[in-house]
Amino acid sequence: MMGGNDDAFIQAAHQVRKQSEAKIRGAYAVHQHADVIYEDPTTKAKVYCGNIEAAQSREFHTTAKVFHIINCQEEGSANFHEADRNYSYYRFPITKWGGMMHSPGKRRVTDFFMQPFNFIDSALKDGHNCLIHCLAGAHRAGTTSVAFLMYKHGLPYPNALRMAQGYRSIIGPFSWLIEMLQQYERELMDEGRIGGK
């Protein structure tokens, strides 16, 4: 069941999609349905950040060789090709963190992110491309993509955000997603995984 957090993200995603689709139809396409945000230095496998169209499109999957998909939408959303054995899915309803972050008990963002990151690392190691997606490929998938760049490159949040937006301009964490990434930055600093800003 969707809560208020999910509704806000869905509404924002629809707005971003509407604006970007208008730009795509015009002379100046701002972005595609998916953009590469990371390439493994050893295997050259790629991680894409994208929208629902990228998640649905068998043509994109075949062309880009993307069959490992991280779905950052709410738990009830479709994994479109789940019945196809060529696909491997990881469901990552990132909005769950919104409810967890203010609940009693110490929660680590690092532990929350490591679940999908382990899925991605395993795929990359075997030379498989991955797609991180939500509805628009801007907020939920965008936040996950920024966190992944922080994790892989040892970057503070502002640097990782700039890098992610350089690859996909519509990436834009907002509201508590920013707090989530700031907490992740503090945790990575405490572990010595990234230096000061």
N, C-alpha and C. Protein backbone atom coordinates (compact mmCIF):
# COMPACT_ATOMS: atom_id res chain seq x y z
N MET A 1 0.84 -1.19 0.00
CA MET A 1 0.00 0.00 0.00
C MET A 1 0.88 1.24 0.00
N MET A 2 0.52 2.21 -0.79
CA MET A 2 1.33 3.42 -0.89
C MET A 2 0.99 4.39 0.23
N GLY A 3 2.03 5.03 0.75
CA GLY A 3 1.82 6.06 1.75
C GLY A 3 1.97 7.43 1.12
N GLY A 4 1.94 8.45 1.95
CA GLY A 4 2.07 9.81 1.47
C GLY A 4 3.37 10.06 0.74
N ASN A 5 4.46 9.42 1.22
CA ASN A 5 5.76 9.60 0.57
C ASN A 5 5.71 9.15 -0.88
N ASP A 6 5.12 7.97 -1.12
CA ASP A 6 5.05 7.44 -2.48
C ASP A 6 4.25 8.37 -3.37
N ASP A 7 3.16 8.90 -2.87
CA ASP A 7 2.31 9.80 -3.66
C ASP A 7 3.09 11.04 -4.12
N ALA A 8 3.89 11.61 -3.23
CA ALA A 8 4.67 12.79 -3.57
C ALA A 8 5.69 12.48 -4.66
N PHE A 9 6.34 11.32 -4.57
CA PHE A 9 7.33 10.94 -5.57
C PHE A 9 6.67 10.66 -6.91
N ILE A 10 5.54 10.02 -6.90
CA ILE A 10 4.84 9.72 -8.15
C ILE A 10 4.38 11.01 -8.82
N GLN A 11 3.84 11.94 -8.05
CA GLN A 11 3.41 13.22 -8.60
C GLN A 11 4.61 13.98 -9.19
N ALA A 12 5.72 14.01 -8.47
CA ALA A 12 6.92 14.70 -8.98
C ALA A 12 7.45 14.01 -10.23
N ALA A 13 7.41 12.69 -10.24
CA ALA A 13 7.91 11.95 -11.40
C ALA A 13 7.07 12.21 -12.63
N HIS A 14 5.75 12.25 -12.46
CA HIS A 14 4.88 12.56 -13.60
C HIS A 14 5.18 13.95 -14.16
N GLN A 15 5.45 14.92 -13.28
CA GLN A 15 5.78 16.27 -13.73
C GLN A 15 7.09 16.29 -14.52
N VAL A 16 8.10 15.59 -14.01
CA VAL A 16 9.39 15.53 -14.70
C VAL A 16 9.23 14.85 -16.05
N ARG A 17 8.49 13.75 -16.10
CA ARG A 17 8.27 13.04 -17.36
C ARG A 17 7.57 13.92 -18.38
N LYS A 18 6.55 14.65 -17.92
CA LYS A 18 5.80 15.52 -18.82
C LYS A 18 6.72 16.59 -19.41
N GLN A 19 7.54 17.21 -18.57
CA GLN A 19 8.46 18.24 -19.04
C GLN A 19 9.51 17.66 -19.98
N SER A 20 10.08 16.52 -19.61
CA SER A 20 11.15 15.96 -20.44
C SER A 20 10.61 15.40 -21.75
N GLU A 21 9.41 14.83 -21.74
CA GLU A 21 8.83 14.33 -22.99
C GLU A 21 8.57 15.48 -23.96
N ALA A 22 8.15 16.63 -23.45
CA ALA A 22 7.95 17.80 -24.31
C ALA A 22 9.27 18.23 -24.92
N LYS A 23 10.33 18.20 -24.15
CA LYS A 23 11.64 18.58 -24.65
C LYS A 23 12.17 17.56 -25.66
N ILE A 24 11.90 16.27 -25.40
CA ILE A 24 12.34 15.23 -26.33
C ILE A 24 11.63 15.39 -27.66
N ARG A 25 10.36 15.74 -27.64
CA ARG A 25 9.61 15.94 -28.88
C ARG A 25 10.09 17.18 -29.62
N GLY A 26 10.64 18.14 -28.86
CA GLY A 26 11.14 19.37 -29.48
C GLY A 26 12.53 19.17 -30.06
N ALA A 27 13.15 20.24 -30.44
CA ALA A 27 14.46 20.16 -31.11
C ALA A 27 15.59 19.85 -30.14
N TYR A 28 15.40 20.09 -28.85
CA TYR A 28 16.49 19.95 -27.90
C TYR A 28 16.18 18.86 -26.88
N ALA A 29 16.50 17.63 -27.21
CA ALA A 29 16.28 16.52 -26.28
C ALA A 29 17.25 16.66 -25.11
N VAL A 30 16.72 16.75 -23.91
CA VAL A 30 17.54 16.93 -22.72
C VAL A 30 18.14 15.60 -22.27
N HIS A 31 17.39 14.54 -22.37
CA HIS A 31 17.89 13.24 -21.95
C HIS A 31 17.14 12.15 -22.69
N GLN A 32 17.67 10.96 -22.55
CA GLN A 32 17.03 9.78 -23.12
C GLN A 32 16.22 9.11 -22.02
N HIS A 33 15.68 7.97 -22.34
CA HIS A 33 14.96 7.20 -21.32
C HIS A 33 15.92 6.61 -20.29
N ALA A 34 17.18 6.42 -20.68
CA ALA A 34 18.21 5.92 -19.76
C ALA A 34 19.57 6.46 -20.17
N ASP A 35 20.41 6.73 -19.18
CA ASP A 35 21.75 7.24 -19.42
C ASP A 35 22.76 6.45 -18.59
N VAL A 36 23.94 6.22 -19.14
CA VAL A 36 25.00 5.53 -18.41
C VAL A 36 25.52 6.46 -17.32
N ILE A 37 25.59 5.92 -16.10
CA ILE A 37 26.15 6.70 -14.99
C ILE A 37 27.46 6.12 -14.47
N TYR A 38 27.76 4.88 -14.89
CA TYR A 38 28.97 4.22 -14.38
C TYR A 38 29.39 3.12 -15.34
N GLU A 39 30.71 2.97 -15.51
CA GLU A 39 31.25 1.84 -16.27
C GLU A 39 32.32 1.17 -15.42
N ASP A 40 32.20 -0.14 -15.28
CA ASP A 40 33.17 -0.89 -14.49
C ASP A 40 34.53 -0.84 -15.19
N PRO A 41 35.58 -0.46 -14.47
CA PRO A 41 36.89 -0.32 -15.12
C PRO A 41 37.48 -1.63 -15.62
N THR A 42 37.07 -2.74 -15.03
CA THR A 42 37.62 -4.04 -15.44
C THR A 42 36.78 -4.70 -16.52
N THR A 43 35.50 -4.87 -16.27
CA THR A 43 34.64 -5.62 -17.20
C THR A 43 34.02 -4.74 -18.27
N LYS A 44 34.03 -3.41 -18.05
CA LYS A 44 33.39 -2.44 -18.95
C LYS A 44 31.87 -2.55 -18.95
N ALA A 45 31.31 -3.32 -18.03
CA ALA A 45 29.85 -3.37 -17.88
C ALA A 45 29.37 -2.02 -17.37
N LYS A 46 28.16 -1.64 -17.76
CA LYS A 46 27.64 -0.30 -17.48
C LYS A 46 26.44 -0.35 -16.54
N VAL A 47 26.27 0.76 -15.80
CA VAL A 47 25.07 0.97 -14.99
C VAL A 47 24.35 2.17 -15.60
N TYR A 48 23.07 1.98 -15.88
CA TYR A 48 22.21 3.03 -16.43
C TYR A 48 21.26 3.51 -15.35
N CYS A 49 20.89 4.78 -15.42
CA CYS A 49 19.79 5.33 -14.64
C CYS A 49 18.71 5.69 -15.65
N GLY A 50 17.48 5.22 -15.40
CA GLY A 50 16.45 5.46 -16.39
C GLY A 50 15.04 5.48 -15.84
N ASN A 51 14.11 5.63 -16.77
CA ASN A 51 12.70 5.78 -16.42
C ASN A 51 11.91 4.50 -16.73
N ILE A 52 10.60 4.60 -16.61
CA ILE A 52 9.73 3.45 -16.79
C ILE A 52 9.78 2.92 -18.23
N GLU A 53 9.96 3.81 -19.20
CA GLU A 53 10.06 3.36 -20.59
C GLU A 53 11.29 2.49 -20.78
N ALA A 54 12.40 2.88 -20.17
CA ALA A 54 13.61 2.06 -20.24
C ALA A 54 13.39 0.70 -19.58
N ALA A 55 12.62 0.69 -18.51
CA ALA A 55 12.34 -0.57 -17.80
C ALA A 55 11.46 -1.51 -18.63
N GLN A 56 10.59 -0.94 -19.46
CA GLN A 56 9.66 -1.74 -20.26
C GLN A 56 10.24 -2.20 -21.59
N SER A 57 11.14 -1.45 -22.17
CA SER A 57 11.54 -1.62 -23.57
C SER A 57 12.49 -2.80 -23.80
N ARG A 58 11.96 -3.86 -24.39
CA ARG A 58 12.82 -5.00 -24.77
C ARG A 58 13.84 -4.57 -25.82
N GLU A 59 13.45 -3.62 -26.67
CA GLU A 59 14.38 -3.12 -27.68
C GLU A 59 15.61 -2.49 -27.01
N PHE A 60 15.36 -1.64 -25.99
CA PHE A 60 16.47 -1.04 -25.24
C PHE A 60 17.29 -2.12 -24.56
N HIS A 61 16.64 -3.07 -23.92
CA HIS A 61 17.34 -4.12 -23.19
C HIS A 61 18.25 -4.92 -24.12
N THR A 62 17.73 -5.22 -25.30
CA THR A 62 18.52 -6.00 -26.26
C THR A 62 19.67 -5.19 -26.82
N THR A 63 19.40 -3.95 -27.20
CA THR A 63 20.44 -3.08 -27.77
C THR A 63 21.53 -2.78 -26.75
N ALA A 64 21.14 -2.43 -25.53
CA ALA A 64 22.11 -2.06 -24.49
C ALA A 64 22.59 -3.26 -23.67
N LYS A 65 22.03 -4.43 -23.96
CA LYS A 65 22.37 -5.65 -23.21
C LYS A 65 22.15 -5.45 -21.71
N VAL A 66 20.96 -4.98 -21.37
CA VAL A 66 20.58 -4.72 -19.98
C VAL A 66 19.49 -5.72 -19.58
N PHE A 67 19.87 -6.67 -18.74
CA PHE A 67 18.91 -7.66 -18.27
C PHE A 67 18.92 -7.79 -16.74
N HIS A 68 19.69 -6.94 -16.08
CA HIS A 68 19.71 -6.86 -14.61
C HIS A 68 19.10 -5.50 -14.25
N ILE A 69 17.97 -5.54 -13.57
CA ILE A 69 17.19 -4.33 -13.37
C ILE A 69 16.87 -4.12 -11.89
N ILE A 70 17.15 -2.91 -11.42
CA ILE A 70 16.84 -2.51 -10.05
C ILE A 70 15.63 -1.58 -10.13
N ASN A 71 14.52 -2.02 -9.55
CA ASN A 71 13.26 -1.28 -9.58
C ASN A 71 13.13 -0.50 -8.28
N CYS A 72 13.26 0.83 -8.35
CA CYS A 72 13.22 1.69 -7.16
C CYS A 72 11.82 2.20 -6.84
N GLN A 73 10.82 1.70 -7.53
CA GLN A 73 9.44 2.15 -7.29
C GLN A 73 8.84 1.41 -6.08
N GLU A 74 7.60 1.76 -5.78
CA GLU A 74 6.90 1.13 -4.66
C GLU A 74 6.78 -0.38 -4.87
N GLU A 75 6.53 -1.10 -3.80
CA GLU A 75 6.55 -2.56 -3.83
C GLU A 75 5.56 -3.18 -4.81
N GLY A 76 4.44 -2.54 -5.06
CA GLY A 76 3.43 -3.11 -5.95
C GLY A 76 3.67 -2.86 -7.43
N SER A 77 4.74 -2.15 -7.78
CA SER A 77 4.98 -1.80 -9.19
C SER A 77 5.45 -3.03 -9.97
N ALA A 78 5.26 -2.97 -11.27
CA ALA A 78 5.55 -4.11 -12.14
C ALA A 78 7.04 -4.25 -12.42
N ASN A 79 7.51 -5.48 -12.34
CA ASN A 79 8.78 -5.88 -12.94
C ASN A 79 8.38 -6.51 -14.27
N PHE A 80 8.47 -5.75 -15.34
CA PHE A 80 7.78 -6.06 -16.59
C PHE A 80 8.13 -7.40 -17.21
N HIS A 81 9.36 -7.85 -17.05
CA HIS A 81 9.78 -9.08 -17.73
C HIS A 81 10.24 -10.14 -16.72
N GLU A 82 9.65 -10.09 -15.56
CA GLU A 82 10.06 -10.98 -14.47
C GLU A 82 9.90 -12.46 -14.83
N ALA A 83 8.93 -12.78 -15.65
CA ALA A 83 8.71 -14.18 -16.02
C ALA A 83 9.75 -14.69 -17.02
N ASP A 84 10.49 -13.78 -17.64
CA ASP A 84 11.52 -14.14 -18.61
C ASP A 84 12.81 -14.48 -17.87
N ARG A 85 13.32 -15.69 -18.05
CA ARG A 85 14.51 -16.14 -17.32
C ARG A 85 15.78 -15.39 -17.72
N ASN A 86 15.74 -14.63 -18.80
CA ASN A 86 16.90 -13.83 -19.20
C ASN A 86 17.10 -12.62 -18.31
N TYR A 87 16.06 -12.27 -17.54
CA TYR A 87 16.09 -11.07 -16.70
C TYR A 87 16.35 -11.44 -15.25
N SER A 88 17.01 -10.53 -14.56
CA SER A 88 17.22 -10.65 -13.12
C SER A 88 16.82 -9.31 -12.50
N TYR A 89 15.92 -9.36 -11.52
CA TYR A 89 15.39 -8.14 -10.90
C TYR A 89 15.79 -8.04 -9.44
N TYR A 90 15.97 -6.80 -9.01
CA TYR A 90 16.09 -6.50 -7.58
C TYR A 90 15.11 -5.38 -7.27
N ARG A 91 14.17 -5.67 -6.39
CA ARG A 91 13.18 -4.66 -6.00
C ARG A 91 13.75 -3.85 -4.84
N PHE A 92 13.82 -2.54 -5.04
CA PHE A 92 14.39 -1.63 -4.04
C PHE A 92 13.45 -0.45 -3.84
N PRO A 93 12.38 -0.64 -3.04
CA PRO A 93 11.44 0.47 -2.80
C PRO A 93 12.06 1.50 -1.86
N ILE A 94 12.79 2.42 -2.43
CA ILE A 94 13.60 3.37 -1.66
C ILE A 94 12.74 4.23 -0.73
N THR A 95 11.46 4.43 -1.06
CA THR A 95 10.61 5.26 -0.20
C THR A 95 10.36 4.62 1.15
N LYS A 96 10.66 3.33 1.30
CA LYS A 96 10.54 2.70 2.62
C LYS A 96 11.44 3.38 3.64
N TRP A 97 12.58 3.92 3.15
CA TRP A 97 13.50 4.58 4.07
C TRP A 97 12.85 5.79 4.73
N GLY A 98 11.96 6.45 4.03
CA GLY A 98 11.28 7.62 4.60
C GLY A 98 10.57 7.28 5.90
N GLY A 99 9.96 6.12 5.97
CA GLY A 99 9.31 5.69 7.20
C GLY A 99 10.29 5.16 8.23
N MET A 100 11.37 4.56 7.75
CA MET A 100 12.35 3.96 8.66
C MET A 100 13.24 5.00 9.34
N MET A 101 13.50 6.11 8.63
CA MET A 101 14.51 7.04 9.14
C MET A 101 14.08 7.75 10.43
N HIS A 102 12.79 7.82 10.68
CA HIS A 102 12.33 8.48 11.91
C HIS A 102 11.76 7.48 12.92
N SER A 103 11.91 6.20 12.65
CA SER A 103 11.41 5.19 13.58
C SER A 103 12.45 4.97 14.68
N PRO A 104 12.01 4.43 15.82
CA PRO A 104 12.95 4.20 16.92
C PRO A 104 14.06 3.23 16.51
N GLY A 105 15.22 3.42 17.09
CA GLY A 105 16.35 2.54 16.79
C GLY A 105 17.26 3.15 15.74
N LYS A 106 18.52 2.85 15.87
CA LYS A 106 19.53 3.39 14.94
C LYS A 106 19.49 2.59 13.63
N ARG A 107 19.29 3.27 12.55
CA ARG A 107 19.28 2.65 11.22
C ARG A 107 20.43 3.24 10.41
N ARG A 108 21.09 2.39 9.69
CA ARG A 108 22.20 2.83 8.84
C ARG A 108 21.76 2.82 7.38
N VAL A 109 21.92 3.95 6.73
CA VAL A 109 21.62 4.04 5.30
C VAL A 109 22.53 3.10 4.53
N THR A 110 23.76 2.97 5.00
CA THR A 110 24.73 2.10 4.34
C THR A 110 24.18 0.69 4.18
N ASP A 111 23.59 0.16 5.25
CA ASP A 111 23.04 -1.20 5.19
C ASP A 111 21.89 -1.28 4.19
N PHE A 112 21.09 -0.24 4.14
CA PHE A 112 19.94 -0.19 3.22
C PHE A 112 20.43 -0.19 1.77
N PHE A 113 21.43 0.63 1.45
CA PHE A 113 21.94 0.73 0.09
C PHE A 113 22.76 -0.49 -0.32
N MET A 114 23.42 -1.16 0.63
CA MET A 114 24.31 -2.26 0.26
C MET A 114 23.56 -3.42 -0.38
N GLN A 115 22.28 -3.57 -0.10
CA GLN A 115 21.52 -4.67 -0.70
C GLN A 115 21.47 -4.53 -2.22
N PRO A 116 20.99 -3.42 -2.78
CA PRO A 116 21.01 -3.31 -4.24
C PRO A 116 22.43 -3.17 -4.80
N PHE A 117 23.34 -2.56 -4.03
CA PHE A 117 24.70 -2.39 -4.54
C PHE A 117 25.41 -3.74 -4.67
N ASN A 118 25.13 -4.68 -3.77
CA ASN A 118 25.68 -6.03 -3.91
C ASN A 118 25.15 -6.70 -5.18
N PHE A 119 23.86 -6.49 -5.47
CA PHE A 119 23.26 -7.03 -6.69
C PHE A 119 23.97 -6.45 -7.92
N ILE A 120 24.20 -5.13 -7.92
CA ILE A 120 24.87 -4.47 -9.04
C ILE A 120 26.32 -4.94 -9.16
N ASP A 121 27.03 -4.97 -8.03
CA ASP A 121 28.44 -5.39 -8.05
C ASP A 121 28.60 -6.79 -8.62
N SER A 122 27.71 -7.68 -8.22
CA SER A 122 27.77 -9.06 -8.71
C SER A 122 27.55 -9.11 -10.22
N ALA A 123 26.57 -8.34 -10.70
CA ALA A 123 26.30 -8.29 -12.14
C ALA A 123 27.48 -7.71 -12.90
N LEU A 124 28.03 -6.59 -12.41
CA LEU A 124 29.16 -5.95 -13.07
C LEU A 124 30.37 -6.87 -13.14
N LYS A 125 30.62 -7.57 -12.05
CA LYS A 125 31.76 -8.50 -11.99
C LYS A 125 31.66 -9.55 -13.08
N ASP A 126 30.43 -9.98 -13.37
CA ASP A 126 30.20 -10.99 -14.41
C ASP A 126 30.01 -10.37 -15.79
N GLY A 127 30.21 -9.04 -15.90
CA GLY A 127 30.13 -8.37 -17.19
C GLY A 127 28.73 -8.02 -17.65
N HIS A 128 27.77 -7.98 -16.72
CA HIS A 128 26.38 -7.68 -17.07
C HIS A 128 26.06 -6.21 -16.81
N ASN A 129 25.40 -5.56 -17.77
CA ASN A 129 24.92 -4.20 -17.58
C ASN A 129 23.70 -4.19 -16.68
N CYS A 130 23.47 -3.06 -16.01
CA CYS A 130 22.34 -2.92 -15.08
C CYS A 130 21.58 -1.63 -15.38
N LEU A 131 20.30 -1.66 -15.05
CA LEU A 131 19.45 -0.47 -15.12
C LEU A 131 18.87 -0.21 -13.74
N ILE A 132 19.07 1.00 -13.23
CA ILE A 132 18.40 1.48 -12.01
C ILE A 132 17.26 2.36 -12.50
N HIS A 133 16.01 2.01 -12.16
CA HIS A 133 14.90 2.80 -12.70
C HIS A 133 13.84 3.10 -11.67
N CYS A 134 13.09 4.17 -11.97
CA CYS A 134 11.84 4.49 -11.27
C CYS A 134 10.90 4.99 -12.36
N LEU A 135 9.96 5.83 -12.03
CA LEU A 135 9.01 6.31 -13.03
C LEU A 135 9.68 7.28 -14.02
N ALA A 136 10.36 8.29 -13.50
CA ALA A 136 10.98 9.30 -14.37
C ALA A 136 12.49 9.15 -14.50
N GLY A 137 13.09 8.36 -13.61
CA GLY A 137 14.55 8.26 -13.61
C GLY A 137 15.20 9.52 -13.10
N ALA A 138 14.54 10.17 -12.13
CA ALA A 138 15.02 11.46 -11.64
C ALA A 138 15.21 11.47 -10.12
N HIS A 139 14.22 11.02 -9.39
CA HIS A 139 14.24 11.17 -7.93
C HIS A 139 14.67 9.88 -7.22
N ARG A 140 13.86 8.85 -7.30
CA ARG A 140 14.17 7.59 -6.59
C ARG A 140 15.37 6.89 -7.23
N ALA A 141 15.31 6.65 -8.53
CA ALA A 141 16.45 6.03 -9.23
C ALA A 141 17.63 7.00 -9.23
N GLY A 142 17.35 8.30 -9.32
CA GLY A 142 18.42 9.30 -9.27
C GLY A 142 19.16 9.28 -7.96
N THR A 143 18.41 9.19 -6.86
CA THR A 143 19.03 9.13 -5.53
C THR A 143 19.88 7.87 -5.39
N THR A 144 19.34 6.75 -5.86
CA THR A 144 20.08 5.49 -5.80
C THR A 144 21.35 5.58 -6.64
N SER A 145 21.26 6.25 -7.79
CA SER A 145 22.42 6.42 -8.66
C SER A 145 23.49 7.30 -8.01
N VAL A 146 23.06 8.39 -7.37
CA VAL A 146 24.01 9.27 -6.67
C VAL A 146 24.71 8.49 -5.56
N ALA A 147 23.94 7.73 -4.80
CA ALA A 147 24.52 6.92 -3.71
C ALA A 147 25.51 5.90 -4.27
N PHE A 148 25.16 5.31 -5.41
CA PHE A 148 26.06 4.32 -6.02
C PHE A 148 27.39 4.97 -6.42
N LEU A 149 27.34 6.18 -6.95
CA LEU A 149 28.57 6.89 -7.31
C LEU A 149 29.38 7.25 -6.06
N MET A 150 28.70 7.61 -4.98
CA MET A 150 29.39 7.87 -3.72
C MET A 150 30.14 6.61 -3.28
N TYR A 151 29.45 5.50 -3.36
CA TYR A 151 29.99 4.20 -2.95
C TYR A 151 31.16 3.77 -3.84
N LYS A 152 31.02 3.88 -5.15
CA LYS A 152 32.05 3.38 -6.06
C LYS A 152 33.26 4.31 -6.14
N HIS A 153 33.04 5.61 -6.07
CA HIS A 153 34.14 6.57 -6.26
C HIS A 153 34.64 7.20 -4.96
N GLY A 154 33.99 6.91 -3.84
CA GLY A 154 34.39 7.53 -2.58
C GLY A 154 34.18 9.03 -2.58
N LEU A 155 33.04 9.45 -3.14
CA LEU A 155 32.75 10.88 -3.28
C LEU A 155 31.80 11.38 -2.21
N PRO A 156 31.98 12.62 -1.75
CA PRO A 156 30.96 13.25 -0.91
C PRO A 156 29.69 13.49 -1.74
N TYR A 157 28.58 13.65 -1.05
CA TYR A 157 27.29 13.81 -1.72
C TYR A 157 27.27 14.90 -2.80
N PRO A 158 27.73 16.15 -2.52
CA PRO A 158 27.64 17.19 -3.56
C PRO A 158 28.41 16.83 -4.84
N ASN A 159 29.58 16.21 -4.68
CA ASN A 159 30.39 15.83 -5.83
C ASN A 159 29.71 14.72 -6.63
N ALA A 160 29.16 13.74 -5.92
CA ALA A 160 28.47 12.64 -6.60
C ALA A 160 27.22 13.14 -7.31
N LEU A 161 26.52 14.10 -6.71
CA LEU A 161 25.33 14.67 -7.35
C LEU A 161 25.72 15.37 -8.65
N ARG A 162 26.77 16.18 -8.60
CA ARG A 162 27.23 16.86 -9.82
C ARG A 162 27.63 15.86 -10.89
N MET A 163 28.32 14.80 -10.49
CA MET A 163 28.74 13.78 -11.44
C MET A 163 27.51 13.11 -12.07
N ALA A 164 26.55 12.73 -11.24
CA ALA A 164 25.34 12.06 -11.73
C ALA A 164 24.57 12.97 -12.68
N GLN A 165 24.44 14.24 -12.33
CA GLN A 165 23.72 15.18 -13.19
C GLN A 165 24.47 15.45 -14.48
N GLY A 166 25.78 15.28 -14.47
CA GLY A 166 26.55 15.38 -15.69
C GLY A 166 26.21 14.26 -16.67
N TYR A 167 25.83 13.11 -16.13
CA TYR A 167 25.44 11.97 -16.97
C TYR A 167 23.95 12.02 -17.33
N ARG A 168 23.14 12.43 -16.37
CA ARG A 168 21.68 12.47 -16.56
C ARG A 168 21.18 13.73 -15.87
N SER A 169 20.90 14.75 -16.63
CA SER A 169 20.66 16.08 -16.08
C SER A 169 19.43 16.17 -15.19
N ILE A 170 18.45 15.30 -15.37
CA ILE A 170 17.22 15.41 -14.57
C ILE A 170 17.32 14.75 -13.20
N ILE A 171 18.44 14.13 -12.88
CA ILE A 171 18.60 13.54 -11.55
C ILE A 171 18.47 14.66 -10.52
N GLY A 172 17.56 14.47 -9.56
CA GLY A 172 17.31 15.52 -8.57
C GLY A 172 16.68 15.01 -7.31
N PRO A 173 17.51 14.51 -6.37
CA PRO A 173 16.95 14.13 -5.07
C PRO A 173 16.26 15.33 -4.43
N PHE A 174 15.19 15.11 -3.71
CA PHE A 174 14.52 16.20 -3.00
C PHE A 174 13.97 15.67 -1.69
N SER A 175 13.53 16.60 -0.85
CA SER A 175 12.92 16.28 0.44
C SER A 175 13.88 15.41 1.26
N TRP A 176 13.35 14.36 1.87
CA TRP A 176 14.17 13.53 2.76
C TRP A 176 15.18 12.67 2.00
N LEU A 177 15.07 12.58 0.67
CA LEU A 177 16.10 11.86 -0.09
C LEU A 177 17.44 12.56 0.04
N ILE A 178 17.41 13.90 0.14
CA ILE A 178 18.65 14.65 0.35
C ILE A 178 19.22 14.31 1.73
N GLU A 179 18.35 14.29 2.74
CA GLU A 179 18.80 13.91 4.09
C GLU A 179 19.40 12.51 4.10
N MET A 180 18.78 11.61 3.34
CA MET A 180 19.26 10.24 3.25
C MET A 180 20.69 10.20 2.69
N LEU A 181 20.92 10.96 1.62
CA LEU A 181 22.25 10.99 1.01
C LEU A 181 23.27 11.68 1.92
N GLN A 182 22.84 12.68 2.65
CA GLN A 182 23.73 13.34 3.61
C GLN A 182 24.11 12.39 4.75
N GLN A 183 23.14 11.61 5.20
CA GLN A 183 23.44 10.62 6.24
C GLN A 183 24.39 9.56 5.69
N TYR A 184 24.17 9.14 4.46
CA TYR A 184 25.05 8.15 3.83
C TYR A 184 26.48 8.70 3.73
N GLU A 185 26.60 9.97 3.38
CA GLU A 185 27.91 10.62 3.32
C GLU A 185 28.60 10.57 4.69
N ARG A 186 27.86 10.90 5.76
CA ARG A 186 28.44 10.87 7.11
C ARG A 186 28.91 9.46 7.48
N GLU A 187 28.10 8.47 7.13
CA GLU A 187 28.46 7.09 7.44
C GLU A 187 29.70 6.66 6.67
N LEU A 188 29.78 7.02 5.40
CA LEU A 188 30.97 6.67 4.60
C LEU A 188 32.21 7.39 5.12
N MET A 189 32.04 8.64 5.58
CA MET A 189 33.17 9.36 6.18
C MET A 189 33.62 8.67 7.46
N ASP A 190 32.66 8.27 8.30
CA ASP A 190 33.00 7.58 9.56
C ASP A 190 33.76 6.27 9.29
N GLU A 191 33.45 5.63 8.18
CA GLU A 191 34.14 4.38 7.81
C GLU A 191 35.46 4.64 7.09
N GLY A 192 35.78 5.92 6.81
CA GLY A 192 37.00 6.25 6.10
C GLY A 192 36.92 5.95 4.61
N ARG A 193 35.71 5.81 4.08
CA ARG A 193 35.53 5.49 2.66
C ARG A 193 35.58 6.74 1.78
N ILE A 194 35.29 7.91 2.39
CA ILE A 194 35.45 9.17 1.67
C ILE A 194 36.10 10.18 2.60
N GLY A 195 36.83 11.14 2.00
CA GLY A 195 37.48 12.18 2.79
C GLY A 195 36.52 13.33 3.03
N GLY A 196 37.04 14.40 3.57
CA GLY A 196 36.20 15.60 3.80
C GLY A 196 35.77 16.24 2.50
N LYS A 197 34.85 17.18 2.60
CA LYS A 197 34.31 17.87 1.41
C LYS A 197 35.33 18.81 0.81
